[in-house]
Amino acid sequence: MPCPNDHREKSMTVGFRMTSEQKRWLDRVADESGMTKQDFITARLHDEAITVAPNIRVCRALRDHMVSLLRELQRISAGGNVDERLHNEIERLTKEFIDLCGEEEPATVNTERRDILGMTRR
């Protein structure tokens, strides 16, 4: 038999309603942070920093989100317009990747590519 609520450390229940889009957002950002929804909401309410500890669940959540963004970008590539919501998601996800990797400079792929293309035979 479970312990009564008055013996629990966290004995209060709080519930609130969200739209389906807000729920998907909360699920996504909580998964990407590696925190439970409760811990994520509490940390945000207290203006505490969200520290992401990379693990397999976080990597899967980020990968799945990147795949969904890629599909959406491929879908709208013919139209040419990226809506505000998608643009904000891309910026947020890019910032998360930069924060996880510790890189502040953009990747040096373009400069390396130019160097390789500029190489000549001796």
PDB file of N, CA and C in Angstrom:
ATOM      1  N   MET A   1       0.848  -1.177   0.000  1.00  0.00           N
ATOM      2  CA  MET A   1       0.000   0.000   0.000  1.00  0.00           C
ATOM      3  C   MET A   1       0.893   1.239   0.000  1.00  0.00           C
ATOM      4  N   PRO A   2       0.618   2.200  -0.878  1.00  0.00           N
ATOM      5  CA  PRO A   2       1.458   3.397  -0.933  1.00  0.00           C
ATOM      6  C   PRO A   2       1.327   4.225   0.340  1.00  0.00           C
ATOM      7  N   CYS A   3       2.368   5.000   0.588  1.00  0.00           N
ATOM      8  CA  CYS A   3       2.332   5.815   1.803  1.00  0.00           C
ATOM      9  C   CYS A   3       1.325   6.952   1.637  1.00  0.00           C
ATOM     10  N   PRO A   4       0.697   7.369   2.714  1.00  0.00           N
ATOM     11  CA  PRO A   4      -0.259   8.471   2.634  1.00  0.00           C
ATOM     12  C   PRO A   4       0.443   9.767   2.226  1.00  0.00           C
ATOM     13  N   ASN A   5      -0.307  10.650   1.606  1.00  0.00           N
ATOM     14  CA  ASN A   5       0.270  11.899   1.119  1.00  0.00           C
ATOM     15  C   ASN A   5       0.911  12.735   2.215  1.00  0.00           C
ATOM     16  N   ASP A   6       0.391  12.679   3.444  1.00  0.00           N
ATOM     17  CA  ASP A   6       0.947  13.522   4.501  1.00  0.00           C
ATOM     18  C   ASP A   6       2.329  13.051   4.953  1.00  0.00           C
ATOM     19  N   HIS A   7       2.766  11.864   4.537  1.00  0.00           N
ATOM     20  CA  HIS A   7       4.103  11.380   4.878  1.00  0.00           C
ATOM     21  C   HIS A   7       5.115  11.634   3.759  1.00  0.00           C
ATOM     22  N   ARG A   8       4.667  12.162   2.670  1.00  0.00           N
ATOM     23  CA  ARG A   8       5.560  12.413   1.539  1.00  0.00           C
ATOM     24  C   ARG A   8       6.272  13.745   1.706  1.00  0.00           C
ATOM     25  N   GLU A   9       7.453  13.836   1.083  1.00  0.00           N
ATOM     26  CA  GLU A   9       8.181  15.109   1.102  1.00  0.00           C
ATOM     27  C   GLU A   9       7.429  16.151   0.277  1.00  0.00           C
ATOM     28  N   LYS A  10       6.948  15.738  -0.887  1.00  0.00           N
ATOM     29  CA  LYS A  10       6.166  16.626  -1.747  1.00  0.00           C
ATOM     30  C   LYS A  10       4.733  16.116  -1.719  1.00  0.00           C
ATOM     31  N   SER A  11       3.921  16.685  -0.849  1.00  0.00           N
ATOM     32  CA  SER A  11       2.581  16.140  -0.635  1.00  0.00           C
ATOM     33  C   SER A  11       1.490  16.897  -1.385  1.00  0.00           C
ATOM     34  N   MET A  12       1.827  17.969  -2.072  1.00  0.00           N
ATOM     35  CA  MET A  12       0.819  18.770  -2.754  1.00  0.00           C
ATOM     36  C   MET A  12       0.811  18.456  -4.247  1.00  0.00           C
ATOM     37  N   THR A  13      -0.379  18.473  -4.829  1.00  0.00           N
ATOM     38  CA  THR A  13      -0.541  18.249  -6.260  1.00  0.00           C
ATOM     39  C   THR A  13      -1.024  19.538  -6.894  1.00  0.00           C
ATOM     40  N   VAL A  14      -0.380  19.928  -7.996  1.00  0.00           N
ATOM     41  CA  VAL A  14      -0.774  21.125  -8.731  1.00  0.00           C
ATOM     42  C   VAL A  14      -1.045  20.702 -10.164  1.00  0.00           C
ATOM     43  N   GLY A  15      -2.164  21.114 -10.707  1.00  0.00           N
ATOM     44  CA  GLY A  15      -2.504  20.783 -12.087  1.00  0.00           C
ATOM     45  C   GLY A  15      -2.943  22.035 -12.823  1.00  0.00           C
ATOM     46  N   PHE A  16      -2.717  22.046 -14.126  1.00  0.00           N
ATOM     47  CA  PHE A  16      -3.162  23.173 -14.934  1.00  0.00           C
ATOM     48  C   PHE A  16      -3.396  22.697 -16.355  1.00  0.00           C
ATOM     49  N   ARG A  17      -4.156  23.465 -17.101  1.00  0.00           N
ATOM     50  CA  ARG A  17      -4.505  23.091 -18.466  1.00  0.00           C
ATOM     51  C   ARG A  17      -3.572  23.780 -19.455  1.00  0.00           C
ATOM     52  N   MET A  18      -3.299  23.060 -20.555  1.00  0.00           N
ATOM     53  CA  MET A  18      -2.441  23.579 -21.615  1.00  0.00           C
ATOM     54  C   MET A  18      -3.069  23.210 -22.953  1.00  0.00           C
ATOM     55  N   THR A  19      -2.710  23.959 -23.979  1.00  0.00           N
ATOM     56  CA  THR A  19      -3.107  23.557 -25.321  1.00  0.00           C
ATOM     57  C   THR A  19      -2.226  22.392 -25.744  1.00  0.00           C
ATOM     58  N   SER A  20      -2.616  21.705 -26.790  1.00  0.00           N
ATOM     59  CA  SER A  20      -1.814  20.567 -27.245  1.00  0.00           C
ATOM     60  C   SER A  20      -0.440  21.029 -27.728  1.00  0.00           C
ATOM     61  N   GLU A  21      -0.358  22.214 -28.328  1.00  0.00           N
ATOM     62  CA  GLU A  21       0.940  22.740 -28.768  1.00  0.00           C
ATOM     63  C   GLU A  21       1.834  23.065 -27.564  1.00  0.00           C
ATOM     64  N   GLN A  22       1.259  23.655 -26.518  1.00  0.00           N
ATOM     65  CA  GLN A  22       2.035  23.940 -25.311  1.00  0.00           C
ATOM     66  C   GLN A  22       2.514  22.655 -24.648  1.00  0.00           C
ATOM     67  N   LYS A  23       1.678  21.622 -24.652  1.00  0.00           N
ATOM     68  CA  LYS A  23       2.074  20.340 -24.068  1.00  0.00           C
ATOM     69  C   LYS A  23       3.227  19.721 -24.850  1.00  0.00           C
ATOM     70  N   ARG A  24       3.141  19.767 -26.186  1.00  0.00           N
ATOM     71  CA  ARG A  24       4.238  19.234 -27.005  1.00  0.00           C
ATOM     72  C   ARG A  24       5.525  19.992 -26.734  1.00  0.00           C
ATOM     73  N   TRP A  25       5.434  21.332 -26.575  1.00  0.00           N
ATOM     74  CA  TRP A  25       6.620  22.141 -26.279  1.00  0.00           C
ATOM     75  C   TRP A  25       7.214  21.742 -24.931  1.00  0.00           C
ATOM     76  N   LEU A  26       6.364  21.615 -23.912  1.00  0.00           N
ATOM     77  CA  LEU A  26       6.845  21.241 -22.582  1.00  0.00           C
ATOM     78  C   LEU A  26       7.477  19.852 -22.598  1.00  0.00           C
ATOM     79  N   ASP A  27       6.830  18.911 -23.269  1.00  0.00           N
ATOM     80  CA  ASP A  27       7.407  17.565 -23.377  1.00  0.00           C
ATOM     81  C   ASP A  27       8.779  17.622 -24.035  1.00  0.00           C
ATOM     82  N   ARG A  28       8.884  18.379 -25.115  1.00  0.00           N
ATOM     83  CA  ARG A  28      10.128  18.457 -25.880  1.00  0.00           C
ATOM     84  C   ARG A  28      11.249  19.091 -25.073  1.00  0.00           C
ATOM     85  N   VAL A  29      10.998  20.248 -24.457  1.00  0.00           N
ATOM     86  CA  VAL A  29      12.082  20.924 -23.729  1.00  0.00           C
ATOM     87  C   VAL A  29      12.456  20.177 -22.458  1.00  0.00           C
ATOM     88  N   ALA A  30      11.498  19.522 -21.824  1.00  0.00           N
ATOM     89  CA  ALA A  30      11.835  18.720 -20.640  1.00  0.00           C
ATOM     90  C   ALA A  30      12.678  17.516 -21.047  1.00  0.00           C
ATOM     91  N   ASP A  31      12.314  16.861 -22.155  1.00  0.00           N
ATOM     92  CA  ASP A  31      13.107  15.725 -22.638  1.00  0.00           C
ATOM     93  C   ASP A  31      14.516  16.161 -23.023  1.00  0.00           C
ATOM     94  N   GLU A  32      14.618  17.301 -23.709  1.00  0.00           N
ATOM     95  CA  GLU A  32      15.929  17.779 -24.158  1.00  0.00           C
ATOM     96  C   GLU A  32      16.809  18.218 -22.996  1.00  0.00           C
ATOM     97  N   SER A  33      16.192  18.602 -21.882  1.00  0.00           N
ATOM     98  CA  SER A  33      16.990  19.019 -20.730  1.00  0.00           C
ATOM     99  C   SER A  33      17.399  17.832 -19.866  1.00  0.00           C
ATOM    100  N   GLY A  34      16.738  16.691 -20.052  1.00  0.00           N
ATOM    101  CA  GLY A  34      17.030  15.526 -19.227  1.00  0.00           C
ATOM    102  C   GLY A  34      16.360  15.588 -17.867  1.00  0.00           C
ATOM    103  N   MET A  35      15.463  16.542 -17.683  1.00  0.00           N
ATOM    104  CA  MET A  35      14.765  16.708 -16.413  1.00  0.00           C
ATOM    105  C   MET A  35      13.336  16.192 -16.543  1.00  0.00           C
ATOM    106  N   THR A  36      12.706  15.953 -15.402  1.00  0.00           N
ATOM    107  CA  THR A  36      11.278  15.646 -15.432  1.00  0.00           C
ATOM    108  C   THR A  36      10.529  16.947 -15.681  1.00  0.00           C
ATOM    109  N   LYS A  37       9.285  16.837 -16.111  1.00  0.00           N
ATOM    110  CA  LYS A  37       8.496  18.050 -16.346  1.00  0.00           C
ATOM    111  C   LYS A  37       8.360  18.855 -15.061  1.00  0.00           C
ATOM    112  N   GLN A  38       8.150  18.168 -13.940  1.00  0.00           N
ATOM    113  CA  GLN A  38       8.005  18.852 -12.658  1.00  0.00           C
ATOM    114  C   GLN A  38       9.271  19.630 -12.316  1.00  0.00           C
ATOM    115  N   ASP A  39      10.435  18.992 -12.443  1.00  0.00           N
ATOM    116  CA  ASP A  39      11.690  19.671 -12.130  1.00  0.00           C
ATOM    117  C   ASP A  39      11.948  20.829 -13.085  1.00  0.00           C
ATOM    118  N   PHE A  40      11.612  20.636 -14.370  1.00  0.00           N
ATOM    119  CA  PHE A  40      11.817  21.692 -15.356  1.00  0.00           C
ATOM    120  C   PHE A  40      10.953  22.908 -15.040  1.00  0.00           C
ATOM    121  N   ILE A  41       9.671  22.682 -14.776  1.00  0.00           N
ATOM    122  CA  ILE A  41       8.759  23.794 -14.470  1.00  0.00           C
ATOM    123  C   ILE A  41       9.199  24.504 -13.198  1.00  0.00           C
ATOM    124  N   THR A  42       9.566  23.751 -12.176  1.00  0.00           N
ATOM    125  CA  THR A  42      10.009  24.349 -10.912  1.00  0.00           C
ATOM    126  C   THR A  42      11.271  25.180 -11.115  1.00  0.00           C
ATOM    127  N   ALA A  43      12.219  24.662 -11.882  1.00  0.00           N
ATOM    128  CA  ALA A  43      13.457  25.404 -12.135  1.00  0.00           C
ATOM    129  C   ALA A  43      13.172  26.691 -12.898  1.00  0.00           C
ATOM    130  N   ARG A  44      12.284  26.632 -13.884  1.00  0.00           N
ATOM    131  CA  ARG A  44      11.949  27.834 -14.648  1.00  0.00           C
ATOM    132  C   ARG A  44      11.220  28.858 -13.782  1.00  0.00           C
ATOM    133  N   LEU A  45      10.348  28.397 -12.892  1.00  0.00           N
ATOM    134  CA  LEU A  45       9.620  29.319 -12.020  1.00  0.00           C
ATOM    135  C   LEU A  45      10.547  30.019 -11.032  1.00  0.00           C
ATOM    136  N   HIS A  46      11.593  29.333 -10.616  1.00  0.00           N
ATOM    137  CA  HIS A  46      12.554  29.912  -9.678  1.00  0.00           C
ATOM    138  C   HIS A  46      13.697  30.633 -10.388  1.00  0.00           C
ATOM    139  N   ASP A  47      13.617  30.766 -11.701  1.00  0.00           N
ATOM    140  CA  ASP A  47      14.676  31.388 -12.509  1.00  0.00           C
ATOM    141  C   ASP A  47      16.023  30.724 -12.281  1.00  0.00           C
ATOM    142  N   GLU A  48      16.005  29.419 -12.065  1.00  0.00           N
ATOM    143  CA  GLU A  48      17.248  28.675 -11.900  1.00  0.00           C
ATOM    144  C   GLU A  48      17.761  28.274 -13.274  1.00  0.00           C
ATOM    145  N   ALA A  49      19.063  28.152 -13.388  1.00  0.00           N
ATOM    146  CA  ALA A  49      19.648  27.725 -14.650  1.00  0.00           C
ATOM    147  C   ALA A  49      19.295  26.263 -14.899  1.00  0.00           C
ATOM    148  N   ILE A  50      18.987  25.962 -16.127  1.00  0.00           N
ATOM    149  CA  ILE A  50      18.703  24.582 -16.514  1.00  0.00           C
ATOM    150  C   ILE A  50      20.021  23.977 -16.978  1.00  0.00           C
ATOM    151  N   THR A  51      20.557  23.067 -16.198  1.00  0.00           N
ATOM    152  CA  THR A  51      21.817  22.422 -16.543  1.00  0.00           C
ATOM    153  C   THR A  51      21.514  21.082 -17.186  1.00  0.00           C
ATOM    154  N   VAL A  52      21.939  20.941 -18.432  1.00  0.00           N
ATOM    155  CA  VAL A  52      21.685  19.705 -19.159  1.00  0.00           C
ATOM    156  C   VAL A  52      22.868  18.777 -18.969  1.00  0.00           C
ATOM    157  N   ALA A  53      22.596  17.616 -18.420  1.00  0.00           N
ATOM    158  CA  ALA A  53      23.626  16.592 -18.280  1.00  0.00           C
ATOM    159  C   ALA A  53      23.469  15.637 -19.458  1.00  0.00           C
ATOM    160  N   PRO A  54      24.400  15.666 -20.409  1.00  0.00           N
ATOM    161  CA  PRO A  54      24.239  14.820 -21.594  1.00  0.00           C
ATOM    162  C   PRO A  54      24.176  13.340 -21.224  1.00  0.00           C
ATOM    163  N   ASN A  55      23.163  12.686 -21.710  1.00  0.00           N
ATOM    164  CA  ASN A  55      23.028  11.240 -21.563  1.00  0.00           C
ATOM    165  C   ASN A  55      22.280  10.720 -22.779  1.00  0.00           C
ATOM    166  N   ILE A  56      22.047   9.442 -22.831  1.00  0.00           N
ATOM    167  CA  ILE A  56      21.448   8.843 -24.024  1.00  0.00           C
ATOM    168  C   ILE A  56      20.027   9.344 -24.264  1.00  0.00           C
ATOM    169  N   ARG A  57      19.264   9.601 -23.192  1.00  0.00           N
ATOM    170  CA  ARG A  57      17.897  10.107 -23.374  1.00  0.00           C
ATOM    171  C   ARG A  57      17.897  11.505 -23.972  1.00  0.00           C
ATOM    172  N   VAL A  58      18.815  12.357 -23.502  1.00  0.00           N
ATOM    173  CA  VAL A  58      18.911  13.717 -24.033  1.00  0.00           C
ATOM    174  C   VAL A  58      19.337  13.667 -25.495  1.00  0.00           C
ATOM    175  N   CYS A  59      20.310  12.813 -25.805  1.00  0.00           N
ATOM    176  CA  CYS A  59      20.768  12.692 -27.194  1.00  0.00           C
ATOM    177  C   CYS A  59      19.645  12.220 -28.107  1.00  0.00           C
ATOM    178  N   ARG A  60      18.864  11.251 -27.650  1.00  0.00           N
ATOM    179  CA  ARG A  60      17.738  10.766 -28.452  1.00  0.00           C
ATOM    180  C   ARG A  60      16.703  11.862 -28.659  1.00  0.00           C
ATOM    181  N   ALA A  61      16.397  12.604 -27.593  1.00  0.00           N
ATOM    182  CA  ALA A  61      15.403  13.674 -27.705  1.00  0.00           C
ATOM    183  C   ALA A  61      15.877  14.742 -28.684  1.00  0.00           C
ATOM    184  N   LEU A  62      17.154  15.125 -28.596  1.00  0.00           N
ATOM    185  CA  LEU A  62      17.687  16.123 -29.522  1.00  0.00           C
ATOM    186  C   LEU A  62      17.684  15.592 -30.953  1.00  0.00           C
ATOM    187  N   ARG A  63      18.076  14.327 -31.126  1.00  0.00           N
ATOM    188  CA  ARG A  63      18.098  13.732 -32.464  1.00  0.00           C
ATOM    189  C   ARG A  63      16.693  13.705 -33.058  1.00  0.00           C
ATOM    190  N   ASP A  64      15.716  13.269 -32.266  1.00  0.00           N
ATOM    191  CA  ASP A  64      14.346  13.190 -32.766  1.00  0.00           C
ATOM    192  C   ASP A  64      13.812  14.569 -33.137  1.00  0.00           C
ATOM    193  N   HIS A  65      14.149  15.558 -32.328  1.00  0.00           N
ATOM    194  CA  HIS A  65      13.688  16.910 -32.625  1.00  0.00           C
ATOM    195  C   HIS A  65      14.365  17.446 -33.880  1.00  0.00           C
ATOM    196  N   MET A  66      15.649  17.166 -34.045  1.00  0.00           N
ATOM    197  CA  MET A  66      16.354  17.600 -35.252  1.00  0.00           C
ATOM    198  C   MET A  66      15.759  16.933 -36.491  1.00  0.00           C
ATOM    199  N   VAL A  67      15.390  15.666 -36.391  1.00  0.00           N
ATOM    200  CA  VAL A  67      14.778  14.962 -37.523  1.00  0.00           C
ATOM    201  C   VAL A  67      13.448  15.611 -37.885  1.00  0.00           C
ATOM    202  N   SER A  68      12.644  15.946 -36.883  1.00  0.00           N
ATOM    203  CA  SER A  68      11.352  16.576 -37.177  1.00  0.00           C
ATOM    204  C   SER A  68      11.540  17.962 -37.785  1.00  0.00           C
ATOM    205  N   LEU A  69      12.539  18.716 -37.310  1.00  0.00           N
ATOM    206  CA  LEU A  69      12.817  20.025 -37.909  1.00  0.00           C
ATOM    207  C   LEU A  69      13.305  19.876 -39.342  1.00  0.00           C
ATOM    208  N   LEU A  70      14.154  18.893 -39.594  1.00  0.00           N
ATOM    209  CA  LEU A  70      14.645  18.660 -40.950  1.00  0.00           C
ATOM    210  C   LEU A  70      13.498  18.316 -41.887  1.00  0.00           C
ATOM    211  N   ARG A  71      12.587  17.463 -41.438  1.00  0.00           N
ATOM    212  CA  ARG A  71      11.426  17.116 -42.271  1.00  0.00           C
ATOM    213  C   ARG A  71      10.589  18.348 -42.583  1.00  0.00           C
ATOM    214  N   GLU A  72      10.391  19.190 -41.581  1.00  0.00           N
ATOM    215  CA  GLU A  72       9.593  20.392 -41.806  1.00  0.00           C
ATOM    216  C   GLU A  72      10.308  21.352 -42.746  1.00  0.00           C
ATOM    217  N   LEU A  73      11.628  21.491 -42.601  1.00  0.00           N
ATOM    218  CA  LEU A  73      12.382  22.354 -43.512  1.00  0.00           C
ATOM    219  C   LEU A  73      12.348  21.816 -44.938  1.00  0.00           C
ATOM    220  N   GLN A  74      12.446  20.501 -45.107  1.00  0.00           N
ATOM    221  CA  GLN A  74      12.368  19.916 -46.444  1.00  0.00           C
ATOM    222  C   GLN A  74      10.984  20.122 -47.039  1.00  0.00           C
ATOM    223  N   ARG A  75       9.973  20.048 -46.196  1.00  0.00           N
ATOM    224  CA  ARG A  75       8.602  20.233 -46.667  1.00  0.00           C
ATOM    225  C   ARG A  75       8.368  21.652 -47.164  1.00  0.00           C
ATOM    226  N   ILE A  76       8.925  22.638 -46.471  1.00  0.00           N
ATOM    227  CA  ILE A  76       8.668  24.030 -46.851  1.00  0.00           C
ATOM    228  C   ILE A  76       9.747  24.605 -47.756  1.00  0.00           C
ATOM    229  N   SER A  77      10.751  23.815 -48.114  1.00  0.00           N
ATOM    230  CA  SER A  77      11.843  24.356 -48.934  1.00  0.00           C
ATOM    231  C   SER A  77      11.336  24.863 -50.276  1.00  0.00           C
ATOM    232  N   ALA A  78      10.310  24.244 -50.820  1.00  0.00           N
ATOM    233  CA  ALA A  78       9.769  24.699 -52.098  1.00  0.00           C
ATOM    234  C   ALA A  78       9.062  26.044 -51.945  1.00  0.00           C
ATOM    235  N   GLY A  79       8.391  26.250 -50.817  1.00  0.00           N
ATOM    236  CA  GLY A  79       7.663  27.498 -50.597  1.00  0.00           C
ATOM    237  C   GLY A  79       8.565  28.675 -50.301  1.00  0.00           C
ATOM    238  N   GLY A  80       9.652  28.432 -49.587  1.00  0.00           N
ATOM    239  CA  GLY A  80      10.627  29.482 -49.330  1.00  0.00           C
ATOM    240  C   GLY A  80      10.405  30.310 -48.081  1.00  0.00           C
ATOM    241  N   ASN A  81       9.289  30.181 -47.377  1.00  0.00           N
ATOM    242  CA  ASN A  81       9.045  30.979 -46.176  1.00  0.00           C
ATOM    243  C   ASN A  81       9.117  30.113 -44.925  1.00  0.00           C
ATOM    244  N   VAL A  82       9.888  30.573 -43.938  1.00  0.00           N
ATOM    245  CA  VAL A  82       9.975  29.892 -42.650  1.00  0.00           C
ATOM    246  C   VAL A  82       9.185  30.722 -41.653  1.00  0.00           C
ATOM    247  N   ASP A  83       8.177  30.111 -41.032  1.00  0.00           N
ATOM    248  CA  ASP A  83       7.357  30.874 -40.095  1.00  0.00           C
ATOM    249  C   ASP A  83       8.122  31.162 -38.798  1.00  0.00           C
ATOM    250  N   GLU A  84       7.589  32.071 -38.018  1.00  0.00           N
ATOM    251  CA  GLU A  84       8.234  32.548 -36.784  1.00  0.00           C
ATOM    252  C   GLU A  84       8.470  31.420 -35.782  1.00  0.00           C
ATOM    253  N   ARG A  85       7.485  30.520 -35.633  1.00  0.00           N
ATOM    254  CA  ARG A  85       7.604  29.418 -34.679  1.00  0.00           C
ATOM    255  C   ARG A  85       8.772  28.511 -35.028  1.00  0.00           C
ATOM    256  N   LEU A  86       8.887  28.149 -36.299  1.00  0.00           N
ATOM    257  CA  LEU A  86       9.978  27.272 -36.727  1.00  0.00           C
ATOM    258  C   LEU A  86      11.322  27.975 -36.576  1.00  0.00           C
ATOM    259  N   HIS A  87      11.358  29.254 -36.905  1.00  0.00           N
ATOM    260  CA  HIS A  87      12.596  30.020 -36.758  1.00  0.00           C
ATOM    261  C   HIS A  87      13.041  30.056 -35.292  1.00  0.00           C
ATOM    262  N   ASN A  88      12.107  30.267 -34.372  1.00  0.00           N
ATOM    263  CA  ASN A  88      12.433  30.282 -32.942  1.00  0.00           C
ATOM    264  C   ASN A  88      12.910  28.918 -32.466  1.00  0.00           C
ATOM    265  N   GLU A  89      12.284  27.842 -32.963  1.00  0.00           N
ATOM    266  CA  GLU A  89      12.708  26.490 -32.593  1.00  0.00           C
ATOM    267  C   GLU A  89      14.134  26.221 -33.060  1.00  0.00           C
ATOM    268  N   ILE A  90      14.449  26.634 -34.278  1.00  0.00           N
ATOM    269  CA  ILE A  90      15.798  26.419 -34.814  1.00  0.00           C
ATOM    270  C   ILE A  90      16.816  27.198 -33.994  1.00  0.00           C
ATOM    271  N   GLU A  91      16.505  28.449 -33.653  1.00  0.00           N
ATOM    272  CA  GLU A  91      17.422  29.252 -32.839  1.00  0.00           C
ATOM    273  C   GLU A  91      17.626  28.633 -31.459  1.00  0.00           C
ATOM    274  N   ARG A  92      16.547  28.171 -30.829  1.00  0.00           N
ATOM    275  CA  ARG A  92      16.650  27.570 -29.497  1.00  0.00           C
ATOM    276  C   ARG A  92      17.476  26.294 -29.536  1.00  0.00           C
ATOM    277  N   LEU A  93      17.219  25.461 -30.525  1.00  0.00           N
ATOM    278  CA  LEU A  93      17.949  24.201 -30.637  1.00  0.00           C
ATOM    279  C   LEU A  93      19.421  24.444 -30.959  1.00  0.00           C
ATOM    280  N   THR A  94      19.697  25.427 -31.806  1.00  0.00           N
ATOM    281  CA  THR A  94      21.085  25.774 -32.120  1.00  0.00           C
ATOM    282  C   THR A  94      21.805  26.237 -30.871  1.00  0.00           C
ATOM    283  N   LYS A  95      21.145  27.063 -30.060  1.00  0.00           N
ATOM    284  CA  LYS A  95      21.762  27.537 -28.821  1.00  0.00           C
ATOM    285  C   LYS A  95      22.037  26.365 -27.877  1.00  0.00           C
ATOM    286  N   GLU A  96      21.101  25.401 -27.810  1.00  0.00           N
ATOM    287  CA  GLU A  96      21.316  24.224 -26.958  1.00  0.00           C
ATOM    288  C   GLU A  96      22.534  23.433 -27.401  1.00  0.00           C
ATOM    289  N   PHE A  97      22.666  23.221 -28.714  1.00  0.00           N
ATOM    290  CA  PHE A  97      23.819  22.477 -29.213  1.00  0.00           C
ATOM    291  C   PHE A  97      25.112  23.221 -28.922  1.00  0.00           C
ATOM    292  N   ILE A  98      25.118  24.543 -29.096  1.00  0.00           N
ATOM    293  CA  ILE A  98      26.321  25.331 -28.811  1.00  0.00           C
ATOM    294  C   ILE A  98      26.655  25.247 -27.333  1.00  0.00           C
ATOM    295  N   ASP A  99      25.639  25.336 -26.478  1.00  0.00           N
ATOM    296  CA  ASP A  99      25.879  25.246 -25.036  1.00  0.00           C
ATOM    297  C   ASP A  99      26.391  23.865 -24.629  1.00  0.00           C
ATOM    298  N   LEU A 100      25.862  22.817 -25.248  1.00  0.00           N
ATOM    299  CA  LEU A 100      26.315  21.465 -24.920  1.00  0.00           C
ATOM    300  C   LEU A 100      27.745  21.219 -25.374  1.00  0.00           C
ATOM    301  N   CYS A 101      28.082  21.730 -26.547  1.00  0.00           N
ATOM    302  CA  CYS A 101      29.418  21.479 -27.094  1.00  0.00           C
ATOM    303  C   CYS A 101      30.444  22.465 -26.561  1.00  0.00           C
ATOM    304  N   GLY A 102      29.998  23.570 -26.018  1.00  0.00           N
ATOM    305  CA  GLY A 102      30.921  24.560 -25.491  1.00  0.00           C
ATOM    306  C   GLY A 102      31.556  25.427 -26.563  1.00  0.00           C
ATOM    307  N   GLU A 103      31.033  25.403 -27.777  1.00  0.00           N
ATOM    308  CA  GLU A 103      31.577  26.211 -28.861  1.00  0.00           C
ATOM    309  C   GLU A 103      30.808  27.517 -28.943  1.00  0.00           C
ATOM    310  N   GLU A 104      31.534  28.597 -29.026  1.00  0.00           N
ATOM    311  CA  GLU A 104      30.877  29.882 -29.230  1.00  0.00           C
ATOM    312  C   GLU A 104      31.048  30.344 -30.666  1.00  0.00           C
ATOM    313  N   GLU A 105      32.104  29.895 -31.301  1.00  0.00           N
ATOM    314  CA  GLU A 105      32.349  30.241 -32.690  1.00  0.00           C
ATOM    315  C   GLU A 105      31.596  29.260 -33.583  1.00  0.00           C
ATOM    316  N   PRO A 106      31.130  29.720 -34.740  1.00  0.00           N
ATOM    317  CA  PRO A 106      30.512  28.778 -35.655  1.00  0.00           C
ATOM    318  C   PRO A 106      31.539  27.751 -36.125  1.00  0.00           C
ATOM    319  N   ALA A 107      31.068  26.639 -36.585  1.00  0.00           N
ATOM    320  CA  ALA A 107      31.965  25.575 -37.026  1.00  0.00           C
ATOM    321  C   ALA A 107      32.874  26.071 -38.140  1.00  0.00           C
ATOM    322  N   THR A 108      34.067  25.519 -38.177  1.00  0.00           N
ATOM    323  CA  THR A 108      35.062  25.960 -39.159  1.00  0.00           C
ATOM    324  C   THR A 108      34.979  25.152 -40.443  1.00  0.00           C
ATOM    325  N   VAL A 109      33.843  24.538 -40.677  1.00  0.00           N
ATOM    326  CA  VAL A 109      33.695  23.695 -41.860  1.00  0.00           C
ATOM    327  C   VAL A 109      33.901  24.505 -43.132  1.00  0.00           C
ATOM    328  N   ASN A 110      33.335  25.707 -43.201  1.00  0.00           N
ATOM    329  CA  ASN A 110      33.453  26.497 -44.426  1.00  0.00           C
ATOM    330  C   ASN A 110      34.892  26.907 -44.700  1.00  0.00           C
ATOM    331  N   THR A 111      35.622  27.314 -43.661  1.00  0.00           N
ATOM    332  CA  THR A 111      37.020  27.697 -43.896  1.00  0.00           C
ATOM    333  C   THR A 111      37.853  26.481 -44.264  1.00  0.00           C
ATOM    334  N   GLU A 112      37.588  25.348 -43.627  1.00  0.00           N
ATOM    335  CA  GLU A 112      38.308  24.126 -43.986  1.00  0.00           C
ATOM    336  C   GLU A 112      37.986  23.727 -45.418  1.00  0.00           C
ATOM    337  N   ARG A 113      36.741  23.884 -45.815  1.00  0.00           N
ATOM    338  CA  ARG A 113      36.338  23.539 -47.183  1.00  0.00           C
ATOM    339  C   ARG A 113      37.069  24.422 -48.179  1.00  0.00           C
ATOM    340  N   ARG A 114      37.142  25.735 -47.896  1.00  0.00           N
ATOM    341  CA  ARG A 114      37.869  26.646 -48.789  1.00  0.00           C
ATOM    342  C   ARG A 114      39.340  26.282 -48.866  1.00  0.00           C
ATOM    343  N   ASP A 115      39.926  25.917 -47.721  1.00  0.00           N
ATOM    344  CA  ASP A 115      41.336  25.522 -47.708  1.00  0.00           C
ATOM    345  C   ASP A 115      41.563  24.282 -48.563  1.00  0.00           C
ATOM    346  N   ILE A 116      40.669  23.321 -48.443  1.00  0.00           N
ATOM    347  CA  ILE A 116      40.815  22.085 -49.217  1.00  0.00           C
ATOM    348  C   ILE A 116      40.641  22.364 -50.702  1.00  0.00           C
ATOM    349  N   LEU A 117      39.639  23.170 -51.054  1.00  0.00           N
ATOM    350  CA  LEU A 117      39.414  23.476 -52.466  1.00  0.00           C
ATOM    351  C   LEU A 117      40.548  24.316 -53.048  1.00  0.00           C
ATOM    352  N   GLY A 118      41.210  25.091 -52.213  1.00  0.00           N
ATOM    353  CA  GLY A 118      42.307  25.935 -52.683  1.00  0.00           C
ATOM    354  C   GLY A 118      43.642  25.220 -52.771  1.00  0.00           C
ATOM    355  N   MET A 119      43.693  23.972 -52.373  1.00  0.00           N
ATOM    356  CA  MET A 119      44.958  23.229 -52.404  1.00  0.00           C
ATOM    357  C   MET A 119      45.377  22.942 -53.847  1.00  0.00           C
ATOM    358  N   THR A 120      46.662  22.976 -54.064  1.00  0.00           N
ATOM    359  CA  THR A 120      47.201  22.653 -55.388  1.00  0.00           C
ATOM    360  C   THR A 120      48.233  21.554 -55.251  1.00  0.00           C
ATOM    361  N   ARG A 121      48.517  20.898 -56.358  1.00  0.00           N
ATOM    362  CA  ARG A 121      49.535  19.847 -56.365  1.00  0.00           C
ATOM    363  C   ARG A 121      50.897  20.484 -56.472  1.00  0.00           C
ATOM    364  N   ARG A 122      51.866  19.863 -55.865  1.00  0.00           N
ATOM    365  CA  ARG A 122      53.241  20.356 -55.965  1.00  0.00           C
ATOM    366  C   ARG A 122      54.015  19.549 -56.955  1.00  0.00           C
TER     367      ARG A 122
END
